[in-house]
Amino acid sequence: MRTNETPMKKIFTVLAVAISFSIASVSSASAQTTVKEKNKTAMSHKKKDAIIGGVGGAVVGGVVGGGKGAVIGGVAGAGTGYMIGKHHDKKHPPKKIYKKKVETK
């Protein structure tokens, strides 16, 4: 007989309905919040390229020269990346990103 499955199905159905109601109440509560716009500038190419160059230089320096080579390669890579990024920023300035910040009452 399958009478043991019926109470389990009822329990799972009740739980599913309760969870869906709780999710619906949370989403309706968030719809009643105020929205403010906040301007944010993207990360400059100088920063990105310095980070990428530093990591790349440290990896290559570590493989070639060990511990001191990793430090020297990281510094050299970061400096080179910074200079390349600075040139890129002059040609293509970073764009402003507009994100909306949601605050609850």
N, C-alpha and C. Protein backbone atom coordinates (compact mmCIF):
# COMPACT_ATOMS: atom_id res chain seq x y z
N MET A 1 0.83 -1.18 0.00
CA MET A 1 0.00 0.00 0.00
C MET A 1 0.87 1.25 0.00
N ARG A 2 0.34 2.31 -0.52
CA ARG A 2 1.07 3.56 -0.61
C ARG A 2 0.44 4.63 0.27
N THR A 3 -0.06 4.27 1.38
CA THR A 3 -0.67 5.26 2.26
C THR A 3 0.38 6.09 2.99
N ASN A 4 1.62 5.59 3.10
CA ASN A 4 2.68 6.33 3.78
C ASN A 4 3.15 7.53 2.95
N GLU A 5 3.01 7.51 1.63
CA GLU A 5 3.47 8.60 0.79
C GLU A 5 2.52 9.79 0.83
N THR A 6 1.27 9.57 1.11
CA THR A 6 0.29 10.65 1.08
C THR A 6 0.58 11.73 2.13
N PRO A 7 0.84 11.40 3.38
CA PRO A 7 1.16 12.46 4.34
C PRO A 7 2.44 13.22 3.97
N MET A 8 3.43 12.55 3.43
CA MET A 8 4.67 13.22 3.02
C MET A 8 4.40 14.20 1.88
N LYS A 9 3.56 13.79 0.95
CA LYS A 9 3.22 14.69 -0.16
C LYS A 9 2.49 15.92 0.36
N LYS A 10 1.62 15.72 1.34
CA LYS A 10 0.90 16.85 1.91
C LYS A 10 1.87 17.80 2.63
N ILE A 11 2.82 17.22 3.36
CA ILE A 11 3.79 18.05 4.08
C ILE A 11 4.63 18.85 3.10
N PHE A 12 5.12 18.20 2.05
CA PHE A 12 5.92 18.90 1.06
C PHE A 12 5.12 19.96 0.32
N THR A 13 3.86 19.69 0.06
CA THR A 13 3.01 20.67 -0.60
C THR A 13 2.80 21.89 0.30
N VAL A 14 2.54 21.67 1.57
CA VAL A 14 2.33 22.77 2.51
C VAL A 14 3.62 23.58 2.64
N LEU A 15 4.77 22.91 2.73
CA LEU A 15 6.04 23.62 2.81
C LEU A 15 6.31 24.44 1.55
N ALA A 16 6.04 23.87 0.39
CA ALA A 16 6.26 24.59 -0.86
C ALA A 16 5.37 25.83 -0.95
N VAL A 17 4.13 25.71 -0.53
CA VAL A 17 3.22 26.86 -0.55
C VAL A 17 3.69 27.92 0.45
N ALA A 18 4.13 27.50 1.62
CA ALA A 18 4.59 28.45 2.63
C ALA A 18 5.84 29.18 2.15
N ILE A 19 6.74 28.47 1.53
CA ILE A 19 7.96 29.10 1.02
C ILE A 19 7.63 30.08 -0.10
N SER A 20 6.73 29.70 -0.99
CA SER A 20 6.38 30.61 -2.08
C SER A 20 5.69 31.86 -1.56
N PHE A 21 4.85 31.74 -0.52
CA PHE A 21 4.23 32.92 0.06
C PHE A 21 5.26 33.82 0.74
N SER A 22 6.23 33.21 1.41
CA SER A 22 7.25 34.03 2.07
C SER A 22 8.12 34.75 1.05
N ILE A 23 8.43 34.11 -0.06
CA ILE A 23 9.20 34.76 -1.12
C ILE A 23 8.39 35.88 -1.75
N ALA A 24 7.11 35.67 -1.95
CA ALA A 24 6.26 36.70 -2.53
C ALA A 24 6.14 37.91 -1.59
N SER A 25 6.08 37.67 -0.29
CA SER A 25 5.97 38.79 0.65
C SER A 25 7.28 39.57 0.71
N VAL A 26 8.42 38.89 0.59
CA VAL A 26 9.71 39.59 0.59
C VAL A 26 9.85 40.43 -0.66
N SER A 27 9.47 39.90 -1.82
CA SER A 27 9.60 40.66 -3.05
C SER A 27 8.64 41.85 -3.09
N SER A 28 7.47 41.73 -2.49
CA SER A 28 6.56 42.87 -2.46
C SER A 28 7.04 43.93 -1.48
N ALA A 29 7.72 43.52 -0.42
CA ALA A 29 8.28 44.49 0.52
C ALA A 29 9.42 45.26 -0.12
N SER A 30 10.21 44.61 -0.94
CA SER A 30 11.31 45.32 -1.59
C SER A 30 10.81 46.26 -2.68
N ALA A 31 9.62 46.05 -3.17
CA ALA A 31 9.05 46.94 -4.19
C ALA A 31 8.64 48.28 -3.57
N GLN A 32 8.54 48.35 -2.25
CA GLN A 32 8.10 49.56 -1.59
C GLN A 32 9.27 50.38 -1.07
N THR A 33 10.47 50.18 -1.58
CA THR A 33 11.64 50.91 -1.11
C THR A 33 11.91 52.11 -2.01
N THR A 34 12.69 53.05 -1.51
CA THR A 34 13.07 54.21 -2.31
C THR A 34 14.33 53.90 -3.09
N VAL A 35 14.46 54.51 -4.25
CA VAL A 35 15.60 54.27 -5.12
C VAL A 35 16.34 55.58 -5.33
N LYS A 36 17.66 55.56 -5.09
CA LYS A 36 18.50 56.73 -5.33
C LYS A 36 19.60 56.34 -6.29
N GLU A 37 19.97 57.26 -7.17
CA GLU A 37 21.04 56.99 -8.12
C GLU A 37 22.37 57.43 -7.54
N LYS A 38 23.38 56.65 -7.81
CA LYS A 38 24.71 56.95 -7.32
C LYS A 38 25.69 56.82 -8.48
N ASN A 39 26.49 57.86 -8.70
CA ASN A 39 27.48 57.82 -9.77
C ASN A 39 28.73 57.11 -9.29
N LYS A 40 29.28 56.29 -10.14
CA LYS A 40 30.49 55.58 -9.81
C LYS A 40 31.37 55.52 -11.05
N THR A 41 32.65 55.79 -10.88
CA THR A 41 33.58 55.76 -11.99
C THR A 41 34.21 54.38 -12.07
N ALA A 42 34.39 53.89 -13.28
CA ALA A 42 35.02 52.59 -13.48
C ALA A 42 36.50 52.66 -13.07
N MET A 43 37.09 51.52 -12.78
CA MET A 43 38.50 51.47 -12.43
C MET A 43 39.33 51.92 -13.62
N SER A 44 40.32 52.76 -13.37
CA SER A 44 41.13 53.29 -14.47
C SER A 44 42.02 52.20 -15.06
N HIS A 45 42.47 52.44 -16.28
CA HIS A 45 43.35 51.49 -16.94
C HIS A 45 44.69 51.42 -16.21
N LYS A 46 45.11 52.52 -15.59
CA LYS A 46 46.37 52.53 -14.84
C LYS A 46 46.33 51.48 -13.74
N LYS A 47 45.23 51.47 -12.99
CA LYS A 47 45.10 50.52 -11.88
C LYS A 47 45.03 49.09 -12.39
N LYS A 48 44.16 48.87 -13.38
CA LYS A 48 44.00 47.51 -13.91
C LYS A 48 45.30 46.97 -14.48
N ASP A 49 45.96 47.78 -15.30
CA ASP A 49 47.18 47.32 -15.96
C ASP A 49 48.32 47.15 -14.96
N ALA A 50 48.38 47.98 -13.91
CA ALA A 50 49.40 47.81 -12.89
C ALA A 50 49.20 46.51 -12.13
N ILE A 51 47.95 46.18 -11.83
CA ILE A 51 47.66 44.92 -11.12
C ILE A 51 48.01 43.73 -12.01
N ILE A 52 47.57 43.76 -13.25
CA ILE A 52 47.85 42.66 -14.18
C ILE A 52 49.35 42.52 -14.40
N GLY A 53 50.04 43.65 -14.62
CA GLY A 53 51.48 43.60 -14.84
C GLY A 53 52.23 43.12 -13.62
N GLY A 54 51.81 43.54 -12.44
CA GLY A 54 52.46 43.10 -11.21
C GLY A 54 52.32 41.61 -10.98
N VAL A 55 51.13 41.09 -11.20
CA VAL A 55 50.91 39.65 -11.02
C VAL A 55 51.68 38.86 -12.08
N GLY A 56 51.59 39.30 -13.32
CA GLY A 56 52.32 38.61 -14.39
C GLY A 56 53.82 38.66 -14.19
N GLY A 57 54.35 39.84 -13.79
CA GLY A 57 55.78 39.96 -13.55
C GLY A 57 56.24 39.11 -12.38
N ALA A 58 55.42 39.03 -11.33
CA ALA A 58 55.77 38.21 -10.18
C ALA A 58 55.81 36.73 -10.54
N VAL A 59 54.87 36.30 -11.36
CA VAL A 59 54.84 34.89 -11.78
C VAL A 59 56.07 34.56 -12.62
N VAL A 60 56.34 35.38 -13.62
CA VAL A 60 57.49 35.13 -14.50
C VAL A 60 58.79 35.26 -13.71
N GLY A 61 58.90 36.29 -12.87
CA GLY A 61 60.10 36.45 -12.06
C GLY A 61 60.30 35.31 -11.08
N GLY A 62 59.23 34.80 -10.53
CA GLY A 62 59.32 33.66 -9.61
C GLY A 62 59.79 32.40 -10.30
N VAL A 63 59.32 32.20 -11.52
CA VAL A 63 59.74 31.01 -12.27
C VAL A 63 61.20 31.12 -12.67
N VAL A 64 61.61 32.30 -13.11
CA VAL A 64 62.98 32.48 -13.61
C VAL A 64 63.98 32.63 -12.47
N GLY A 65 63.68 33.50 -11.49
CA GLY A 65 64.69 33.83 -10.50
C GLY A 65 64.38 33.46 -9.07
N GLY A 66 63.35 32.74 -8.79
CA GLY A 66 63.03 32.37 -7.42
C GLY A 66 62.36 33.49 -6.65
N GLY A 67 62.64 33.58 -5.32
CA GLY A 67 61.98 34.54 -4.44
C GLY A 67 62.29 35.98 -4.77
N LYS A 68 63.57 36.31 -4.92
CA LYS A 68 63.94 37.69 -5.25
C LYS A 68 63.47 38.05 -6.66
N GLY A 69 63.50 37.09 -7.56
CA GLY A 69 63.03 37.34 -8.92
C GLY A 69 61.55 37.66 -8.98
N ALA A 70 60.77 37.06 -8.07
CA ALA A 70 59.34 37.33 -8.03
C ALA A 70 59.07 38.77 -7.60
N VAL A 71 59.85 39.23 -6.61
CA VAL A 71 59.68 40.61 -6.14
C VAL A 71 60.09 41.59 -7.23
N ILE A 72 61.26 41.36 -7.81
CA ILE A 72 61.75 42.26 -8.86
C ILE A 72 60.81 42.24 -10.05
N GLY A 73 60.36 41.05 -10.47
CA GLY A 73 59.43 40.95 -11.60
C GLY A 73 58.10 41.61 -11.31
N GLY A 74 57.62 41.47 -10.07
CA GLY A 74 56.35 42.10 -9.70
C GLY A 74 56.42 43.61 -9.75
N VAL A 75 57.53 44.16 -9.22
CA VAL A 75 57.70 45.62 -9.24
C VAL A 75 57.85 46.12 -10.67
N ALA A 76 58.68 45.43 -11.46
CA ALA A 76 58.88 45.84 -12.85
C ALA A 76 57.59 45.72 -13.66
N GLY A 77 56.86 44.63 -13.45
CA GLY A 77 55.59 44.44 -14.18
C GLY A 77 54.55 45.47 -13.79
N ALA A 78 54.48 45.80 -12.50
CA ALA A 78 53.50 46.80 -12.06
C ALA A 78 53.85 48.17 -12.63
N GLY A 79 55.13 48.51 -12.63
CA GLY A 79 55.54 49.79 -13.20
C GLY A 79 55.25 49.88 -14.68
N THR A 80 55.56 48.81 -15.39
CA THR A 80 55.30 48.79 -16.83
C THR A 80 53.79 48.84 -17.11
N GLY A 81 53.03 48.07 -16.35
CA GLY A 81 51.57 48.10 -16.52
C GLY A 81 50.98 49.46 -16.23
N TYR A 82 51.51 50.13 -15.21
CA TYR A 82 51.04 51.47 -14.88
C TYR A 82 51.29 52.44 -16.03
N MET A 83 52.47 52.37 -16.62
CA MET A 83 52.80 53.28 -17.72
C MET A 83 51.92 53.01 -18.94
N ILE A 84 51.70 51.74 -19.25
CA ILE A 84 50.82 51.39 -20.38
C ILE A 84 49.39 51.87 -20.09
N GLY A 85 48.91 51.65 -18.86
CA GLY A 85 47.56 52.09 -18.49
C GLY A 85 47.41 53.59 -18.52
N LYS A 86 48.44 54.31 -18.12
CA LYS A 86 48.40 55.77 -18.14
C LYS A 86 48.24 56.28 -19.57
N HIS A 87 48.98 55.66 -20.50
CA HIS A 87 48.86 56.02 -21.90
C HIS A 87 47.45 55.71 -22.42
N HIS A 88 46.92 54.56 -22.01
CA HIS A 88 45.57 54.17 -22.45
C HIS A 88 44.52 55.11 -21.88
N ASP A 89 44.70 55.56 -20.62
CA ASP A 89 43.74 56.49 -20.02
C ASP A 89 43.70 57.82 -20.75
N LYS A 90 44.84 58.26 -21.28
CA LYS A 90 44.87 59.51 -22.03
C LYS A 90 44.07 59.39 -23.32
N LYS A 91 44.20 58.24 -23.98
CA LYS A 91 43.49 58.04 -25.25
C LYS A 91 42.01 57.74 -25.03
N HIS A 92 41.71 56.94 -24.02
CA HIS A 92 40.33 56.50 -23.75
C HIS A 92 40.05 56.68 -22.26
N PRO A 93 39.51 57.83 -21.85
CA PRO A 93 39.24 58.04 -20.41
C PRO A 93 38.22 57.03 -19.88
N PRO A 94 38.33 56.66 -18.59
CA PRO A 94 37.38 55.70 -18.02
C PRO A 94 35.96 56.27 -18.04
N LYS A 95 35.01 55.39 -18.28
CA LYS A 95 33.61 55.81 -18.35
C LYS A 95 33.00 55.81 -16.97
N LYS A 96 31.95 56.60 -16.83
CA LYS A 96 31.22 56.61 -15.57
C LYS A 96 30.15 55.54 -15.64
N ILE A 97 30.04 54.79 -14.57
CA ILE A 97 29.03 53.76 -14.46
C ILE A 97 27.95 54.29 -13.52
N TYR A 98 26.70 54.22 -13.95
CA TYR A 98 25.60 54.67 -13.12
C TYR A 98 24.91 53.46 -12.53
N LYS A 99 24.99 53.34 -11.23
CA LYS A 99 24.33 52.24 -10.54
C LYS A 99 23.25 52.81 -9.64
N LYS A 100 22.20 52.05 -9.46
CA LYS A 100 21.12 52.47 -8.58
C LYS A 100 21.30 51.80 -7.23
N LYS A 101 21.19 52.58 -6.20
CA LYS A 101 21.31 52.08 -4.84
C LYS A 101 19.92 52.03 -4.24
N VAL A 102 19.53 50.89 -3.73
CA VAL A 102 18.20 50.72 -3.16
C VAL A 102 18.30 50.82 -1.65
N GLU A 103 17.51 51.70 -1.06
CA GLU A 103 17.48 51.85 0.39
C GLU A 103 16.09 51.53 0.90
N THR A 104 16.03 50.83 2.00
CA THR A 104 14.74 50.51 2.58
C THR A 104 14.33 51.56 3.59
N LYS A 105 13.04 51.70 3.78
CA LYS A 105 12.54 52.70 4.73
C LYS A 105 12.54 52.15 6.12
